[in-house]
């Protein structure tokens, strides 16, 4: 049994109503958080047993993840977790910065009071996690804020393009843990995002979001370079 299969002990089984979507999402999470490590062969049989699914939906989900650039499908050998490269990240992060900037502009035009309240709620929870240095919780609420801004943009095409790349950014960001200085800066950037959204200042929010992604990339780049020393 390989290390990947041994790390599946705490994985929960999947409820049936949204099998395909939940299966894809669960596998994404496992790649993002390193449960399935870069370069590792995906233990299909062990995963099917742990998640309570058959081989057919598992293989369909693996095809989706391969299309997203998270896996490599090898003929007669199954799927392997794709390694991140600096060249890929140099392409992805600027695109995500552009997508987030546009989402911010559109959200300032279209966001409803209910949607704004949800952003504020996630922001408050994110700050609670920051106060106790709960990095996992912080990342969860952080990501949810960006998703809510995207939803508030009201642009389905933008959402599709954004989500096709977002998981790769999340994966890189999760691997490259922030130091205290960068974490404090990121929190400040989120404070300014909320202020701009409250003011419906699309140009300002777009600028903050673009810089936020650039700063994330700088953190990831520093981590990647440190691994190659």
C-alpha atoms as a PDB file:
ATOM      1  CA  UNK A   1       0.000   0.000   0.000  1.00  0.00           C
ATOM      2  CA  UNK A   2       1.485   3.386  -0.957  1.00  0.00           C
ATOM      3  CA  UNK A   3       1.606   6.521   1.210  1.00  0.00           C
ATOM      4  CA  UNK A   4      -1.368   8.045  -0.624  1.00  0.00           C
ATOM      5  CA  UNK A   5      -3.630   5.138   0.309  1.00  0.00           C
ATOM      6  CA  UNK A   6      -2.477   5.252   3.938  1.00  0.00           C
ATOM      7  CA  UNK A   7      -3.369   8.956   4.172  1.00  0.00           C
ATOM      8  CA  UNK A   8      -7.022   8.252   3.305  1.00  0.00           C
ATOM      9  CA  UNK A   9      -8.022   7.011   6.768  1.00  0.00           C
ATOM     10  CA  UNK A  10      -9.962  10.174   7.689  1.00  0.00           C
ATOM     11  CA  UNK A  11     -11.668  10.670   4.320  1.00  0.00           C
ATOM     12  CA  UNK A  12     -15.470  10.651   4.608  1.00  0.00           C
ATOM     13  CA  UNK A  13     -17.785   8.736   2.261  1.00  0.00           C
ATOM     14  CA  UNK A  14     -19.845  10.728  -0.252  1.00  0.00           C
ATOM     15  CA  UNK A  15     -23.588  11.351  -0.099  1.00  0.00           C
ATOM     16  CA  UNK A  16     -25.358  10.238  -3.264  1.00  0.00           C
ATOM     17  CA  UNK A  17     -27.572  13.206  -4.357  1.00  0.00           C
ATOM     18  CA  UNK A  18     -24.755  15.167  -6.074  1.00  0.00           C
ATOM     19  CA  UNK A  19     -22.285  12.347  -6.588  1.00  0.00           C
ATOM     20  CA  UNK A  20     -20.361  13.665  -9.572  1.00  0.00           C
ATOM     21  CA  UNK A  21     -20.014  17.246  -8.333  1.00  0.00           C
ATOM     22  CA  UNK A  22     -19.112  16.234  -4.798  1.00  0.00           C
ATOM     23  CA  UNK A  23     -16.643  13.619  -5.989  1.00  0.00           C
ATOM     24  CA  UNK A  24     -14.846  16.127  -8.202  1.00  0.00           C
ATOM     25  CA  UNK A  25     -14.811  18.682  -5.378  1.00  0.00           C
ATOM     26  CA  UNK A  26     -13.523  16.164  -2.825  1.00  0.00           C
ATOM     27  CA  UNK A  27     -10.699  15.050  -5.108  1.00  0.00           C
ATOM     28  CA  UNK A  28      -9.822  18.691  -5.801  1.00  0.00           C
ATOM     29  CA  UNK A  29      -9.546  19.325  -2.070  1.00  0.00           C
ATOM     30  CA  UNK A  30      -7.298  16.292  -1.627  1.00  0.00           C
ATOM     31  CA  UNK A  31      -4.951  17.560  -4.332  1.00  0.00           C
ATOM     32  CA  UNK A  32      -4.993  21.117  -3.005  1.00  0.00           C
ATOM     33  CA  UNK A  33      -4.192  20.131   0.583  1.00  0.00           C
ATOM     34  CA  UNK A  34      -1.582  17.558  -0.405  1.00  0.00           C
ATOM     35  CA  UNK A  35      -3.461  14.412   0.644  1.00  0.00           C
ATOM     36  CA  UNK A  36      -2.729  13.395  -2.931  1.00  0.00           C
ATOM     37  CA  UNK A  37       0.800  14.696  -3.445  1.00  0.00           C
ATOM     38  CA  UNK A  38       2.402  15.980  -6.645  1.00  0.00           C
ATOM     39  CA  UNK A  39       3.779  13.135  -8.743  1.00  0.00           C
ATOM     40  CA  UNK A  40       1.794  10.509  -6.826  1.00  0.00           C
ATOM     41  CA  UNK A  41      -0.259   7.887  -8.616  1.00  0.00           C
ATOM     42  CA  UNK A  42      -3.935   8.245  -7.681  1.00  0.00           C
ATOM     43  CA  UNK A  43      -4.959   5.123  -5.696  1.00  0.00           C
ATOM     44  CA  UNK A  44      -8.262   4.598  -7.504  1.00  0.00           C
ATOM     45  CA  UNK A  45      -9.332   1.397  -5.781  1.00  0.00           C
ATOM     46  CA  UNK A  46      -8.560   2.680  -2.266  1.00  0.00           C
ATOM     47  CA  UNK A  47     -10.344   5.960  -3.013  1.00  0.00           C
ATOM     48  CA  UNK A  48     -13.422   4.158  -4.320  1.00  0.00           C
ATOM     49  CA  UNK A  49     -13.576   2.163  -1.098  1.00  0.00           C
ATOM     50  CA  UNK A  50     -13.083   5.207   1.158  1.00  0.00           C
ATOM     51  CA  UNK A  51     -15.525   7.436  -0.701  1.00  0.00           C
ATOM     52  CA  UNK A  52     -18.133   4.747  -1.293  1.00  0.00           C
ATOM     53  CA  UNK A  53     -18.253   5.067  -5.081  1.00  0.00           C
ATOM     54  CA  UNK A  54     -17.743   2.708  -8.009  1.00  0.00           C
ATOM     55  CA  UNK A  55     -14.923   2.861 -10.543  1.00  0.00           C
ATOM     56  CA  UNK A  56     -17.072   4.458 -13.280  1.00  0.00           C
ATOM     57  CA  UNK A  57     -17.866   7.787 -11.506  1.00  0.00           C
ATOM     58  CA  UNK A  58     -14.318   7.837 -10.129  1.00  0.00           C
ATOM     59  CA  UNK A  59     -12.819   7.637 -13.607  1.00  0.00           C
ATOM     60  CA  UNK A  60     -15.220  10.278 -14.904  1.00  0.00           C
ATOM     61  CA  UNK A  61     -14.138  12.588 -12.073  1.00  0.00           C
ATOM     62  CA  UNK A  62     -10.472  11.919 -12.840  1.00  0.00           C
ATOM     63  CA  UNK A  63     -11.094  12.968 -16.454  1.00  0.00           C
ATOM     64  CA  UNK A  64     -12.547  16.269 -15.223  1.00  0.00           C
ATOM     65  CA  UNK A  65      -9.510  16.890 -13.014  1.00  0.00           C
ATOM     66  CA  UNK A  66      -7.179  16.055 -15.884  1.00  0.00           C
ATOM     67  CA  UNK A  67      -8.997  18.620 -18.037  1.00  0.00           C
ATOM     68  CA  UNK A  68      -8.464  21.157 -15.221  1.00  0.00           C
ATOM     69  CA  UNK A  69      -4.737  20.477 -15.308  1.00  0.00           C
ATOM     70  CA  UNK A  70      -4.563  18.804 -11.898  1.00  0.00           C
ATOM     71  CA  UNK A  71      -3.922  15.255 -13.098  1.00  0.00           C
ATOM     72  CA  UNK A  72      -2.136  13.487 -15.899  1.00  0.00           C
ATOM     73  CA  UNK A  73      -3.882  10.431 -17.348  1.00  0.00           C
ATOM     74  CA  UNK A  74      -1.354   7.790 -18.336  1.00  0.00           C
ATOM     75  CA  UNK A  75      -2.525   5.048 -20.731  1.00  0.00           C
ATOM     76  CA  UNK A  76      -2.816   1.685 -18.938  1.00  0.00           C
ATOM     77  CA  UNK A  77      -1.309   3.230 -15.794  1.00  0.00           C
ATOM     78  CA  UNK A  78      -4.113   5.368 -14.361  1.00  0.00           C
ATOM     79  CA  UNK A  79      -3.895   8.950 -13.157  1.00  0.00           C
ATOM     80  CA  UNK A  80      -1.020  10.817 -11.556  1.00  0.00           C
ATOM     81  CA  UNK A  81      -1.106  14.162  -9.716  1.00  0.00           C
ATOM     82  CA  UNK A  82       0.435  16.802 -11.936  1.00  0.00           C
ATOM     83  CA  UNK A  83       3.380  18.746 -10.536  1.00  0.00           C
ATOM     84  CA  UNK A  84       3.182  22.534 -10.495  1.00  0.00           C
ATOM     85  CA  UNK A  85       5.751  24.384 -12.572  1.00  0.00           C
ATOM     86  CA  UNK A  86       6.846  27.993 -12.335  1.00  0.00           C
ATOM     87  CA  UNK A  87       6.148  28.443 -16.049  1.00  0.00           C
ATOM     88  CA  UNK A  88       2.531  27.386 -15.512  1.00  0.00           C
ATOM     89  CA  UNK A  89       2.100  29.629 -12.472  1.00  0.00           C
ATOM     90  CA  UNK A  90       3.541  32.598 -14.363  1.00  0.00           C
ATOM     91  CA  UNK A  91       0.729  32.126 -16.867  1.00  0.00           C
ATOM     92  CA  UNK A  92      -2.095  31.358 -14.446  1.00  0.00           C
ATOM     93  CA  UNK A  93      -1.670  34.054 -11.786  1.00  0.00           C
ATOM     94  CA  UNK A  94      -1.871  37.089 -14.124  1.00  0.00           C
ATOM     95  CA  UNK A  95      -4.982  35.603 -15.733  1.00  0.00           C
ATOM     96  CA  UNK A  96      -6.576  35.080 -12.335  1.00  0.00           C
ATOM     97  CA  UNK A  97      -5.664  38.641 -11.395  1.00  0.00           C
ATOM     98  CA  UNK A  98      -7.457  39.894 -14.504  1.00  0.00           C
ATOM     99  CA  UNK A  99     -10.504  37.710 -13.848  1.00  0.00           C
ATOM    100  CA  UNK A 100     -10.735  38.821 -10.216  1.00  0.00           C
ATOM    101  CA  UNK A 101     -10.331  42.477 -11.160  1.00  0.00           C
ATOM    102  CA  UNK A 102     -13.186  42.222 -13.671  1.00  0.00           C
ATOM    103  CA  UNK A 103     -15.321  40.329 -11.139  1.00  0.00           C
ATOM    104  CA  UNK A 104     -14.714  43.115  -8.635  1.00  0.00           C
ATOM    105  CA  UNK A 105     -15.736  45.825 -11.105  1.00  0.00           C
ATOM    106  CA  UNK A 106     -18.924  43.992 -12.031  1.00  0.00           C
ATOM    107  CA  UNK A 107     -19.735  43.125  -8.416  1.00  0.00           C
ATOM    108  CA  UNK A 108     -19.632  46.799  -7.460  1.00  0.00           C
ATOM    109  CA  UNK A 109     -22.327  47.413 -10.075  1.00  0.00           C
ATOM    110  CA  UNK A 110     -24.557  44.447  -9.315  1.00  0.00           C
ATOM    111  CA  UNK A 111     -24.078  43.248  -5.739  1.00  0.00           C
ATOM    112  CA  UNK A 112     -27.268  43.030  -3.674  1.00  0.00           C
ATOM    113  CA  UNK A 113     -27.582  43.845   0.036  1.00  0.00           C
ATOM    114  CA  UNK A 114     -27.919  40.137   0.792  1.00  0.00           C
ATOM    115  CA  UNK A 115     -24.781  39.304  -1.175  1.00  0.00           C
ATOM    116  CA  UNK A 116     -22.858  42.096   0.521  1.00  0.00           C
ATOM    117  CA  UNK A 117     -23.961  40.829   3.929  1.00  0.00           C
ATOM    118  CA  UNK A 118     -22.624  37.375   3.056  1.00  0.00           C
ATOM    119  CA  UNK A 119     -19.256  38.865   2.103  1.00  0.00           C
ATOM    120  CA  UNK A 120     -19.136  40.739   5.414  1.00  0.00           C
ATOM    121  CA  UNK A 121     -19.990  37.560   7.329  1.00  0.00           C
ATOM    122  CA  UNK A 122     -17.195  35.612   5.654  1.00  0.00           C
ATOM    123  CA  UNK A 123     -14.805  38.497   6.261  1.00  0.00           C
ATOM    124  CA  UNK A 124     -15.636  38.480   9.977  1.00  0.00           C
ATOM    125  CA  UNK A 125     -15.076  34.719  10.178  1.00  0.00           C
ATOM    126  CA  UNK A 126     -11.802  35.072   8.312  1.00  0.00           C
ATOM    127  CA  UNK A 127     -10.624  37.652  10.864  1.00  0.00           C
ATOM    128  CA  UNK A 128     -11.577  35.306  13.694  1.00  0.00           C
ATOM    129  CA  UNK A 129      -9.398  32.610  12.153  1.00  0.00           C
ATOM    130  CA  UNK A 130      -6.568  35.081  11.693  1.00  0.00           C
ATOM    131  CA  UNK A 131      -6.765  36.113  15.352  1.00  0.00           C
ATOM    132  CA  UNK A 132      -6.110  32.527  16.506  1.00  0.00           C
ATOM    133  CA  UNK A 133      -3.758  31.740  13.594  1.00  0.00           C
ATOM    134  CA  UNK A 134      -6.049  29.074  12.142  1.00  0.00           C
ATOM    135  CA  UNK A 135      -4.546  28.982   8.655  1.00  0.00           C
ATOM    136  CA  UNK A 136      -6.890  26.299   7.298  1.00  0.00           C
ATOM    137  CA  UNK A 137      -9.987  28.180   8.452  1.00  0.00           C
ATOM    138  CA  UNK A 138      -8.521  31.441   7.198  1.00  0.00           C
ATOM    139  CA  UNK A 139      -7.969  29.994   3.723  1.00  0.00           C
ATOM    140  CA  UNK A 140     -11.506  28.592   3.649  1.00  0.00           C
ATOM    141  CA  UNK A 141     -13.211  31.909   4.428  1.00  0.00           C
ATOM    142  CA  UNK A 142     -10.730  33.822   2.278  1.00  0.00           C
ATOM    143  CA  UNK A 143     -11.594  31.680  -0.717  1.00  0.00           C
ATOM    144  CA  UNK A 144     -15.302  32.019  -0.004  1.00  0.00           C
ATOM    145  CA  UNK A 145     -15.014  35.822  -0.099  1.00  0.00           C
ATOM    146  CA  UNK A 146     -13.500  35.674  -3.575  1.00  0.00           C
ATOM    147  CA  UNK A 147     -16.206  33.238  -4.705  1.00  0.00           C
ATOM    148  CA  UNK A 148     -18.954  35.531  -3.387  1.00  0.00           C
ATOM    149  CA  UNK A 149     -17.486  38.518  -5.241  1.00  0.00           C
ATOM    150  CA  UNK A 150     -17.445  36.389  -8.381  1.00  0.00           C
ATOM    151  CA  UNK A 151     -21.078  35.372  -7.829  1.00  0.00           C
ATOM    152  CA  UNK A 152     -22.047  39.007  -7.281  1.00  0.00           C
ATOM    153  CA  UNK A 153     -20.558  39.908 -10.666  1.00  0.00           C
ATOM    154  CA  UNK A 154     -23.524  38.158 -12.284  1.00  0.00           C
ATOM    155  CA  UNK A 155     -21.384  36.991 -15.206  1.00  0.00           C
ATOM    156  CA  UNK A 156     -21.677  33.230 -15.759  1.00  0.00           C
ATOM    157  CA  UNK A 157     -19.034  33.143 -18.505  1.00  0.00           C
ATOM    158  CA  UNK A 158     -16.523  34.852 -16.257  1.00  0.00           C
ATOM    159  CA  UNK A 159     -17.398  32.353 -13.531  1.00  0.00           C
ATOM    160  CA  UNK A 160     -16.690  29.397 -15.812  1.00  0.00           C
ATOM    161  CA  UNK A 161     -13.326  30.792 -16.899  1.00  0.00           C
ATOM    162  CA  UNK A 162     -12.389  31.703 -13.322  1.00  0.00           C
ATOM    163  CA  UNK A 163     -13.207  28.291 -11.888  1.00  0.00           C
ATOM    164  CA  UNK A 164     -11.200  26.520 -14.583  1.00  0.00           C
ATOM    165  CA  UNK A 165      -8.046  28.075 -13.111  1.00  0.00           C
ATOM    166  CA  UNK A 166      -8.960  28.779  -9.486  1.00  0.00           C
ATOM    167  CA  UNK A 167      -8.150  25.344  -8.127  1.00  0.00           C
ATOM    168  CA  UNK A 168      -4.595  25.557  -9.490  1.00  0.00           C
ATOM    169  CA  UNK A 169      -4.083  28.880  -7.729  1.00  0.00           C
ATOM    170  CA  UNK A 170      -5.539  27.443  -4.525  1.00  0.00           C
ATOM    171  CA  UNK A 171      -3.192  24.490  -4.744  1.00  0.00           C
ATOM    172  CA  UNK A 172      -0.123  26.679  -5.138  1.00  0.00           C
ATOM    173  CA  UNK A 173      -1.294  29.042  -2.412  1.00  0.00           C
ATOM    174  CA  UNK A 174      -1.964  26.221   0.027  1.00  0.00           C
ATOM    175  CA  UNK A 175       1.518  24.786  -0.445  1.00  0.00           C
ATOM    176  CA  UNK A 176       3.273  28.124   0.036  1.00  0.00           C
ATOM    177  CA  UNK A 177       2.399  29.031   3.622  1.00  0.00           C
ATOM    178  CA  UNK A 178       2.516  32.753   4.430  1.00  0.00           C
ATOM    179  CA  UNK A 179       4.878  34.270   6.941  1.00  0.00           C
ATOM    180  CA  UNK A 180       3.469  36.667   9.552  1.00  0.00           C
ATOM    181  CA  UNK A 181       4.330  39.781   7.551  1.00  0.00           C
ATOM    182  CA  UNK A 182       2.583  38.589   4.390  1.00  0.00           C
ATOM    183  CA  UNK A 183      -0.385  37.278   6.347  1.00  0.00           C
ATOM    184  CA  UNK A 184      -0.882  40.668   7.966  1.00  0.00           C
ATOM    185  CA  UNK A 185      -0.624  42.361   4.554  1.00  0.00           C
ATOM    186  CA  UNK A 186      -3.192  39.963   3.077  1.00  0.00           C
ATOM    187  CA  UNK A 187      -5.641  40.744   5.883  1.00  0.00           C
ATOM    188  CA  UNK A 188      -5.154  44.461   5.263  1.00  0.00           C
ATOM    189  CA  UNK A 189      -5.818  43.928   1.554  1.00  0.00           C
ATOM    190  CA  UNK A 190      -9.080  42.174   2.412  1.00  0.00           C
ATOM    191  CA  UNK A 191     -10.077  45.053   4.672  1.00  0.00           C
ATOM    192  CA  UNK A 192      -9.551  47.438   1.758  1.00  0.00           C
ATOM    193  CA  UNK A 193     -11.471  45.120  -0.585  1.00  0.00           C
ATOM    194  CA  UNK A 194     -14.485  45.271   1.707  1.00  0.00           C
ATOM    195  CA  UNK A 195     -14.243  49.058   1.975  1.00  0.00           C
ATOM    196  CA  UNK A 196     -14.172  49.395  -1.828  1.00  0.00           C
ATOM    197  CA  UNK A 197     -17.093  46.986  -2.202  1.00  0.00           C
ATOM    198  CA  UNK A 198     -19.095  48.899   0.410  1.00  0.00           C
ATOM    199  CA  UNK A 199     -18.416  52.109  -1.514  1.00  0.00           C
ATOM    200  CA  UNK A 200     -19.283  50.423  -4.853  1.00  0.00           C
ATOM    201  CA  UNK A 201     -15.906  51.659  -6.116  1.00  0.00           C
ATOM    202  CA  UNK A 202     -15.272  49.187  -8.933  1.00  0.00           C
ATOM    203  CA  UNK A 203     -12.046  50.739 -10.166  1.00  0.00           C
ATOM    204  CA  UNK A 204     -10.518  50.702  -6.700  1.00  0.00           C
ATOM    205  CA  UNK A 205     -11.652  47.153  -5.953  1.00  0.00           C
ATOM    206  CA  UNK A 206     -10.267  45.929  -9.275  1.00  0.00           C
ATOM    207  CA  UNK A 207      -6.898  47.483  -8.487  1.00  0.00           C
ATOM    208  CA  UNK A 208      -6.788  45.936  -4.993  1.00  0.00           C
ATOM    209  CA  UNK A 209      -7.732  42.495  -6.298  1.00  0.00           C
ATOM    210  CA  UNK A 210      -5.136  42.604  -9.060  1.00  0.00           C
ATOM    211  CA  UNK A 211      -2.424  43.566  -6.594  1.00  0.00           C
ATOM    212  CA  UNK A 212      -3.671  40.959  -4.114  1.00  0.00           C
ATOM    213  CA  UNK A 213      -3.114  38.220  -6.705  1.00  0.00           C
ATOM    214  CA  UNK A 214       0.294  39.642  -7.615  1.00  0.00           C
ATOM    215  CA  UNK A 215       1.293  39.521  -3.957  1.00  0.00           C
ATOM    216  CA  UNK A 216       0.043  35.941  -3.672  1.00  0.00           C
ATOM    217  CA  UNK A 217       2.177  35.023  -6.655  1.00  0.00           C
ATOM    218  CA  UNK A 218       5.240  36.632  -5.073  1.00  0.00           C
ATOM    219  CA  UNK A 219       4.725  34.413  -2.011  1.00  0.00           C
ATOM    220  CA  UNK A 220       4.340  31.319  -4.181  1.00  0.00           C
ATOM    221  CA  UNK A 221       7.393  32.203  -6.269  1.00  0.00           C
ATOM    222  CA  UNK A 222       9.524  32.622  -3.138  1.00  0.00           C
ATOM    223  CA  UNK A 223       8.353  29.220  -1.891  1.00  0.00           C
ATOM    224  CA  UNK A 224       9.061  27.471  -5.217  1.00  0.00           C
ATOM    225  CA  UNK A 225      12.530  29.025  -5.378  1.00  0.00           C
ATOM    226  CA  UNK A 226      13.243  27.941  -1.801  1.00  0.00           C
ATOM    227  CA  UNK A 227      12.401  24.336  -2.729  1.00  0.00           C
ATOM    228  CA  UNK A 228      14.934  24.324  -5.563  1.00  0.00           C
ATOM    229  CA  UNK A 229      17.876  25.470  -3.412  1.00  0.00           C
END
